[in-house]
Amino acid sequence: MRIAIIAAVVALVIGLGAGYLMWGERARQATEARQRAADELEATKARQADELRKLQQELAAERDRRQRLEQVISEGRK
């Protein structure tokens, strides 16, 4: 009976230890995956911000060209 109790306790300790190690590994993997996703999101935001800035510059340049063209046309009509 005593050997069975000792074997059960040893098996329980080994099982809990293995479970804890596996749980820790899964938690680490989840944390790394979350960090990768956050990094990718930041990179995407940066690319989108650059693209938006370029589009705004192009729009401003197009507005300037249009304004100059309208000015030239209006001067030609006078």
PDB file of N, CA and C in Angstrom:
ATOM      1  N   MET A   1       0.820  -1.186   0.000  1.00  0.00           N
ATOM      2  CA  MET A   1       0.000   0.000   0.000  1.00  0.00           C
ATOM      3  C   MET A   1       0.871   1.260   0.000  1.00  0.00           C
ATOM      4  N   ARG A   2       1.913   1.232   0.796  1.00  0.00           N
ATOM      5  CA  ARG A   2       2.797   2.373   0.905  1.00  0.00           C
ATOM      6  C   ARG A   2       3.499   2.655  -0.421  1.00  0.00           C
ATOM      7  N   ILE A   3       3.899   1.612  -1.128  1.00  0.00           N
ATOM      8  CA  ILE A   3       4.564   1.764  -2.421  1.00  0.00           C
ATOM      9  C   ILE A   3       3.584   2.358  -3.432  1.00  0.00           C
ATOM     10  N   ALA A   4       2.336   1.976  -3.380  1.00  0.00           N
ATOM     11  CA  ALA A   4       1.329   2.493  -4.306  1.00  0.00           C
ATOM     12  C   ALA A   4       1.117   3.992  -4.089  1.00  0.00           C
ATOM     13  N   ILE A   5       1.104   4.423  -2.837  1.00  0.00           N
ATOM     14  CA  ILE A   5       0.931   5.843  -2.524  1.00  0.00           C
ATOM     15  C   ILE A   5       2.137   6.635  -3.024  1.00  0.00           C
ATOM     16  N   ILE A   6       3.321   6.102  -2.781  1.00  0.00           N
ATOM     17  CA  ILE A   6       4.550   6.775  -3.236  1.00  0.00           C
ATOM     18  C   ILE A   6       4.555   6.854  -4.760  1.00  0.00           C
ATOM     19  N   ALA A   7       4.181   5.759  -5.435  1.00  0.00           N
ATOM     20  CA  ALA A   7       4.148   5.746  -6.898  1.00  0.00           C
ATOM     21  C   ALA A   7       3.111   6.743  -7.417  1.00  0.00           C
ATOM     22  N   ALA A   8       1.978   6.822  -6.742  1.00  0.00           N
ATOM     23  CA  ALA A   8       0.933   7.764  -7.161  1.00  0.00           C
ATOM     24  C   ALA A   8       1.407   9.200  -6.986  1.00  0.00           C
ATOM     25  N   VAL A   9       2.072   9.497  -5.887  1.00  0.00           N
ATOM     26  CA  VAL A   9       2.578  10.845  -5.649  1.00  0.00           C
ATOM     27  C   VAL A   9       3.658  11.193  -6.675  1.00  0.00           C
ATOM     28  N   VAL A  10       4.557  10.276  -6.941  1.00  0.00           N
ATOM     29  CA  VAL A  10       5.615  10.507  -7.932  1.00  0.00           C
ATOM     30  C   VAL A  10       4.993  10.724  -9.314  1.00  0.00           C
ATOM     31  N   ALA A  11       4.017   9.885  -9.679  1.00  0.00           N
ATOM     32  CA  ALA A  11       3.354  10.042 -10.977  1.00  0.00           C
ATOM     33  C   ALA A  11       2.630  11.378 -11.050  1.00  0.00           C
ATOM     34  N   LEU A  12       2.005  11.791  -9.965  1.00  0.00           N
ATOM     35  CA  LEU A  12       1.309  13.075  -9.916  1.00  0.00           C
ATOM     36  C   LEU A  12       2.294  14.233 -10.074  1.00  0.00           C
ATOM     37  N   VAL A  13       3.409  14.163  -9.378  1.00  0.00           N
ATOM     38  CA  VAL A  13       4.418  15.220  -9.477  1.00  0.00           C
ATOM     39  C   VAL A  13       4.980  15.278 -10.894  1.00  0.00           C
ATOM     40  N   ILE A  14       5.273  14.133 -11.483  1.00  0.00           N
ATOM     41  CA  ILE A  14       5.806  14.107 -12.850  1.00  0.00           C
ATOM     42  C   ILE A  14       4.759  14.642 -13.825  1.00  0.00           C
ATOM     43  N   GLY A  15       3.531  14.220 -13.671  1.00  0.00           N
ATOM     44  CA  GLY A  15       2.460  14.677 -14.549  1.00  0.00           C
ATOM     45  C   GLY A  15       2.231  16.173 -14.436  1.00  0.00           C
ATOM     46  N   LEU A  16       2.194  16.679 -13.215  1.00  0.00           N
ATOM     47  CA  LEU A  16       2.012  18.121 -13.019  1.00  0.00           C
ATOM     48  C   LEU A  16       3.203  18.908 -13.555  1.00  0.00           C
ATOM     49  N   GLY A  17       4.401  18.383 -13.360  1.00  0.00           N
ATOM     50  CA  GLY A  17       5.597  19.062 -13.879  1.00  0.00           C
ATOM     51  C   GLY A  17       5.593  19.116 -15.394  1.00  0.00           C
ATOM     52  N   ALA A  18       5.259  18.007 -16.027  1.00  0.00           N
ATOM     53  CA  ALA A  18       5.201  17.979 -17.494  1.00  0.00           C
ATOM     54  C   ALA A  18       4.096  18.911 -17.991  1.00  0.00           C
ATOM     55  N   GLY A  19       2.966  18.905 -17.336  1.00  0.00           N
ATOM     56  CA  GLY A  19       1.867  19.794 -17.712  1.00  0.00           C
ATOM     57  C   GLY A  19       2.252  21.253 -17.581  1.00  0.00           C
ATOM     58  N   TYR A  20       2.940  21.564 -16.497  1.00  0.00           N
ATOM     59  CA  TYR A  20       3.368  22.950 -16.275  1.00  0.00           C
ATOM     60  C   TYR A  20       4.352  23.380 -17.356  1.00  0.00           C
ATOM     61  N   LEU A  21       5.286  22.507 -17.711  1.00  0.00           N
ATOM     62  CA  LEU A  21       6.259  22.840 -18.759  1.00  0.00           C
ATOM     63  C   LEU A  21       5.578  23.025 -20.105  1.00  0.00           C
ATOM     64  N   MET A  22       4.614  22.169 -20.421  1.00  0.00           N
ATOM     65  CA  MET A  22       3.904  22.295 -21.692  1.00  0.00           C
ATOM     66  C   MET A  22       3.062  23.568 -21.699  1.00  0.00           C
ATOM     67  N   TRP A  23       2.431  23.864 -20.595  1.00  0.00           N
ATOM     68  CA  TRP A  23       1.615  25.071 -20.502  1.00  0.00           C
ATOM     69  C   TRP A  23       2.505  26.304 -20.663  1.00  0.00           C
ATOM     70  N   GLY A  24       3.673  26.285 -20.058  1.00  0.00           N
ATOM     71  CA  GLY A  24       4.614  27.393 -20.175  1.00  0.00           C
ATOM     72  C   GLY A  24       5.084  27.585 -21.607  1.00  0.00           C
ATOM     73  N   GLU A  25       5.319  26.489 -22.297  1.00  0.00           N
ATOM     74  CA  GLU A  25       5.757  26.565 -23.693  1.00  0.00           C
ATOM     75  C   GLU A  25       4.643  27.148 -24.568  1.00  0.00           C
ATOM     76  N   ARG A  26       3.427  26.709 -24.343  1.00  0.00           N
ATOM     77  CA  ARG A  26       2.305  27.238 -25.116  1.00  0.00           C
ATOM     78  C   ARG A  26       2.099  28.719 -24.828  1.00  0.00           C
ATOM     79  N   ALA A  27       2.259  29.110 -23.587  1.00  0.00           N
ATOM     80  CA  ALA A  27       2.110  30.525 -23.237  1.00  0.00           C
ATOM     81  C   ALA A  27       3.200  31.355 -23.917  1.00  0.00           C
ATOM     82  N   ARG A  28       4.407  30.822 -23.964  1.00  0.00           N
ATOM     83  CA  ARG A  28       5.506  31.528 -24.617  1.00  0.00           C
ATOM     84  C   ARG A  28       5.227  31.681 -26.115  1.00  0.00           C
ATOM     85  N   GLN A  29       4.748  30.602 -26.735  1.00  0.00           N
ATOM     86  CA  GLN A  29       4.432  30.658 -28.163  1.00  0.00           C
ATOM     87  C   GLN A  29       3.313  31.664 -28.434  1.00  0.00           C
ATOM     88  N   ALA A  30       2.315  31.689 -27.566  1.00  0.00           N
ATOM     89  CA  ALA A  30       1.210  32.634 -27.738  1.00  0.00           C
ATOM     90  C   ALA A  30       1.711  34.071 -27.595  1.00  0.00           C
ATOM     91  N   THR A  31       2.591  34.300 -26.649  1.00  0.00           N
ATOM     92  CA  THR A  31       3.152  35.635 -26.449  1.00  0.00           C
ATOM     93  C   THR A  31       3.968  36.063 -27.662  1.00  0.00           C
ATOM     94  N   GLU A  32       4.755  35.155 -28.199  1.00  0.00           N
ATOM     95  CA  GLU A  32       5.548  35.475 -29.389  1.00  0.00           C
ATOM     96  C   GLU A  32       4.647  35.756 -30.588  1.00  0.00           C
ATOM     97  N   ALA A  33       3.599  34.969 -30.748  1.00  0.00           N
ATOM     98  CA  ALA A  33       2.668  35.185 -31.855  1.00  0.00           C
ATOM     99  C   ALA A  33       1.978  36.532 -31.718  1.00  0.00           C
ATOM    100  N   ARG A  34       1.591  36.880 -30.511  1.00  0.00           N
ATOM    101  CA  ARG A  34       0.960  38.173 -30.256  1.00  0.00           C
ATOM    102  C   ARG A  34       1.917  39.314 -30.573  1.00  0.00           C
ATOM    103  N   GLN A  35       3.185  39.156 -30.219  1.00  0.00           N
ATOM    104  CA  GLN A  35       4.189  40.184 -30.490  1.00  0.00           C
ATOM    105  C   GLN A  35       4.426  40.335 -31.986  1.00  0.00           C
ATOM    106  N   ARG A  36       4.493  39.201 -32.710  1.00  0.00           N
ATOM    107  CA  ARG A  36       4.662  39.258 -34.165  1.00  0.00           C
ATOM    108  C   ARG A  36       3.490  39.975 -34.819  1.00  0.00           C
ATOM    109  N   ALA A  37       2.282  39.657 -34.353  1.00  0.00           N
ATOM    110  CA  ALA A  37       1.088  40.307 -34.914  1.00  0.00           C
ATOM    111  C   ALA A  37       1.117  41.809 -34.637  1.00  0.00           C
ATOM    112  N   ALA A  38       1.536  42.196 -33.443  1.00  0.00           N
ATOM    113  CA  ALA A  38       1.620  43.620 -33.106  1.00  0.00           C
ATOM    114  C   ALA A  38       2.675  44.316 -33.965  1.00  0.00           C
ATOM    115  N   ASP A  39       3.802  43.657 -34.191  1.00  0.00           N
ATOM    116  CA  ASP A  39       4.851  44.232 -35.041  1.00  0.00           C
ATOM    117  C   ASP A  39       4.366  44.405 -36.477  1.00  0.00           C
ATOM    118  N   GLU A  40       3.661  43.394 -36.978  1.00  0.00           N
ATOM    119  CA  GLU A  40       3.125  43.484 -38.342  1.00  0.00           C
ATOM    120  C   GLU A  40       2.100  44.602 -38.454  1.00  0.00           C
ATOM    121  N   LEU A  41       1.292  44.764 -37.418  1.00  0.00           N
ATOM    122  CA  LEU A  41       0.296  45.833 -37.420  1.00  0.00           C
ATOM    123  C   LEU A  41       0.962  47.206 -37.436  1.00  0.00           C
ATOM    124  N   GLU A  42       2.012  47.369 -36.655  1.00  0.00           N
ATOM    125  CA  GLU A  42       2.733  48.640 -36.629  1.00  0.00           C
ATOM    126  C   GLU A  42       3.380  48.922 -37.985  1.00  0.00           C
ATOM    127  N   ALA A  43       3.939  47.885 -38.607  1.00  0.00           N
ATOM    128  CA  ALA A  43       4.555  48.063 -39.927  1.00  0.00           C
ATOM    129  C   ALA A  43       3.496  48.456 -40.954  1.00  0.00           C
ATOM    130  N   THR A  44       2.332  47.830 -40.864  1.00  0.00           N
ATOM    131  CA  THR A  44       1.245  48.160 -41.786  1.00  0.00           C
ATOM    132  C   THR A  44       0.788  49.595 -41.574  1.00  0.00           C
ATOM    133  N   LYS A  45       0.667  50.003 -40.328  1.00  0.00           N
ATOM    134  CA  LYS A  45       0.261  51.380 -40.034  1.00  0.00           C
ATOM    135  C   LYS A  45       1.278  52.375 -40.581  1.00  0.00           C
ATOM    136  N   ALA A  46       2.556  52.057 -40.449  1.00  0.00           N
ATOM    137  CA  ALA A  46       3.597  52.950 -40.946  1.00  0.00           C
ATOM    138  C   ALA A  46       3.526  53.060 -42.468  1.00  0.00           C
ATOM    139  N   ARG A  47       3.334  51.914 -43.150  1.00  0.00           N
ATOM    140  CA  ARG A  47       3.219  51.940 -44.610  1.00  0.00           C
ATOM    141  C   ARG A  47       1.997  52.746 -45.042  1.00  0.00           C
ATOM    142  N   GLN A  48       0.893  52.568 -44.343  1.00  0.00           N
ATOM    143  CA  GLN A  48      -0.320  53.297 -44.688  1.00  0.00           C
ATOM    144  C   GLN A  48      -0.144  54.794 -44.448  1.00  0.00           C
ATOM    145  N   ALA A  49       0.543  55.159 -43.377  1.00  0.00           N
ATOM    146  CA  ALA A  49       0.788  56.573 -43.095  1.00  0.00           C
ATOM    147  C   ALA A  49       1.660  57.190 -44.197  1.00  0.00           C
ATOM    148  N   ASP A  50       2.688  56.455 -44.645  1.00  0.00           N
ATOM    149  CA  ASP A  50       3.536  56.943 -45.738  1.00  0.00           C
ATOM    150  C   ASP A  50       2.731  57.104 -47.022  1.00  0.00           C
ATOM    151  N   GLU A  51       1.899  56.119 -47.302  1.00  0.00           N
ATOM    152  CA  GLU A  51       1.080  56.176 -48.512  1.00  0.00           C
ATOM    153  C   GLU A  51       0.098  57.347 -48.454  1.00  0.00           C
ATOM    154  N   LEU A  52      -0.494  57.563 -47.297  1.00  0.00           N
ATOM    155  CA  LEU A  52      -1.421  58.682 -47.128  1.00  0.00           C
ATOM    156  C   LEU A  52      -0.708  60.016 -47.315  1.00  0.00           C
ATOM    157  N   ARG A  53       0.483  60.133 -46.764  1.00  0.00           N
ATOM    158  CA  ARG A  53       1.258  61.367 -46.903  1.00  0.00           C
ATOM    159  C   ARG A  53       1.582  61.628 -48.380  1.00  0.00           C
ATOM    160  N   LYS A  54       1.959  60.581 -49.110  1.00  0.00           N
ATOM    161  CA  LYS A  54       2.253  60.734 -50.537  1.00  0.00           C
ATOM    162  C   LYS A  54       1.010  61.155 -51.303  1.00  0.00           C
ATOM    163  N   LEU A  55      -0.124  60.530 -50.993  1.00  0.00           N
ATOM    164  CA  LEU A  55      -1.365  60.886 -51.674  1.00  0.00           C
ATOM    165  C   LEU A  55      -1.773  62.331 -51.390  1.00  0.00           C
ATOM    166  N   GLN A  56      -1.570  62.765 -50.166  1.00  0.00           N
ATOM    167  CA  GLN A  56      -1.892  64.153 -49.814  1.00  0.00           C
ATOM    168  C   GLN A  56      -0.994  65.122 -50.571  1.00  0.00           C
ATOM    169  N   GLN A  57       0.272  64.772 -50.719  1.00  0.00           N
ATOM    170  CA  GLN A  57       1.189  65.621 -51.478  1.00  0.00           C
ATOM    171  C   GLN A  57       0.786  65.669 -52.947  1.00  0.00           C
ATOM    172  N   GLU A  58       0.414  64.518 -53.495  1.00  0.00           N
ATOM    173  CA  GLU A  58      -0.027  64.487 -54.887  1.00  0.00           C
ATOM    174  C   GLU A  58      -1.301  65.313 -55.073  1.00  0.00           C
ATOM    175  N   LEU A  59      -2.222  65.216 -54.128  1.00  0.00           N
ATOM    176  CA  LEU A  59      -3.457  65.987 -54.204  1.00  0.00           C
ATOM    177  C   LEU A  59      -3.177  67.476 -54.139  1.00  0.00           C
ATOM    178  N   ALA A  60      -2.285  67.885 -53.253  1.00  0.00           N
ATOM    179  CA  ALA A  60      -1.933  69.304 -53.150  1.00  0.00           C
ATOM    180  C   ALA A  60      -1.292  69.790 -54.456  1.00  0.00           C
ATOM    181  N   ALA A  61      -0.419  68.981 -55.032  1.00  0.00           N
ATOM    182  CA  ALA A  61       0.224  69.361 -56.299  1.00  0.00           C
ATOM    183  C   ALA A  61      -0.820  69.459 -57.413  1.00  0.00           C
ATOM    184  N   GLU A  62      -1.747  68.527 -57.444  1.00  0.00           N
ATOM    185  CA  GLU A  62      -2.792  68.555 -58.471  1.00  0.00           C
ATOM    186  C   GLU A  62      -3.691  69.783 -58.304  1.00  0.00           C
ATOM    187  N   ARG A  63      -3.997  70.132 -57.069  1.00  0.00           N
ATOM    188  CA  ARG A  63      -4.804  71.334 -56.823  1.00  0.00           C
ATOM    189  C   ARG A  63      -4.076  72.589 -57.297  1.00  0.00           C
ATOM    190  N   ASP A  64      -2.760  72.649 -57.043  1.00  0.00           N
ATOM    191  CA  ASP A  64      -1.970  73.798 -57.502  1.00  0.00           C
ATOM    192  C   ASP A  64      -1.976  73.880 -59.027  1.00  0.00           C
ATOM    193  N   ARG A  65      -1.774  72.753 -59.695  1.00  0.00           N
ATOM    194  CA  ARG A  65      -1.793  72.742 -61.162  1.00  0.00           C
ATOM    195  C   ARG A  65      -3.153  73.188 -61.688  1.00  0.00           C
ATOM    196  N   ARG A  66      -4.203  72.708 -61.086  1.00  0.00           N
ATOM    197  CA  ARG A  66      -5.542  73.081 -61.531  1.00  0.00           C
ATOM    198  C   ARG A  66      -5.799  74.572 -61.331  1.00  0.00           C
ATOM    199  N   GLN A  67      -5.365  75.095 -60.180  1.00  0.00           N
ATOM    200  CA  GLN A  67      -5.553  76.513 -59.904  1.00  0.00           C
ATOM    201  C   GLN A  67      -4.788  77.366 -60.923  1.00  0.00           C
ATOM    202  N   ARG A  68      -3.552  76.973 -61.233  1.00  0.00           N
ATOM    203  CA  ARG A  68      -2.770  77.713 -62.233  1.00  0.00           C
ATOM    204  C   ARG A  68      -3.421  77.637 -63.612  1.00  0.00           C
ATOM    205  N   LEU A  69      -3.935  76.472 -63.961  1.00  0.00           N
ATOM    206  CA  LEU A  69      -4.603  76.307 -65.244  1.00  0.00           C
ATOM    207  C   LEU A  69      -5.852  77.181 -65.325  1.00  0.00           C
ATOM    208  N   GLU A  70      -6.637  77.185 -64.240  1.00  0.00           N
ATOM    209  CA  GLU A  70      -7.833  78.033 -64.224  1.00  0.00           C
ATOM    210  C   GLU A  70      -7.470  79.521 -64.328  1.00  0.00           C
ATOM    211  N   GLN A  71      -6.358  79.901 -63.699  1.00  0.00           N
ATOM    212  CA  GLN A  71      -5.891  81.279 -63.762  1.00  0.00           C
ATOM    213  C   GLN A  71      -5.487  81.630 -65.195  1.00  0.00           C
ATOM    214  N   VAL A  72      -4.764  80.741 -65.854  1.00  0.00           N
ATOM    215  CA  VAL A  72      -4.337  80.988 -67.222  1.00  0.00           C
ATOM    216  C   VAL A  72      -5.558  81.081 -68.136  1.00  0.00           C
ATOM    217  N   ILE A  73      -6.532  80.207 -67.950  1.00  0.00           N
ATOM    218  CA  ILE A  73      -7.737  80.229 -68.772  1.00  0.00           C
ATOM    219  C   ILE A  73      -8.517  81.507 -68.560  1.00  0.00           C
ATOM    220  N   SER A  74      -8.645  81.934 -67.309  1.00  0.00           N
ATOM    221  CA  SER A  74      -9.404  83.154 -67.024  1.00  0.00           C
ATOM    222  C   SER A  74      -8.685  84.393 -67.577  1.00  0.00           C
ATOM    223  N   GLU A  75      -7.360  84.420 -67.579  1.00  0.00           N
ATOM    224  CA  GLU A  75      -6.610  85.535 -68.138  1.00  0.00           C
ATOM    225  C   GLU A  75      -6.761  85.560 -69.670  1.00  0.00           C
ATOM    226  N   GLY A  76      -6.885  84.404 -70.279  1.00  0.00           N
ATOM    227  CA  GLY A  76      -7.037  84.307 -71.723  1.00  0.00           C
ATOM    228  C   GLY A  76      -8.390  84.810 -72.192  1.00  0.00           C
ATOM    229  N   ARG A  77      -9.379  84.763 -71.355  1.00  0.00           N
ATOM    230  CA  ARG A  77     -10.722  85.192 -71.714  1.00  0.00           C
ATOM    231  C   ARG A  77     -10.881  86.684 -71.621  1.00  0.00           C
ATOM    232  N   LYS A  78     -10.008  87.361 -70.944  1.00  0.00           N
ATOM    233  CA  LYS A  78     -10.138  88.812 -70.736  1.00  0.00           C
ATOM    234  C   LYS A  78      -9.820  89.609 -71.943  1.00  0.00           C
TER     235      LYS A  78
END
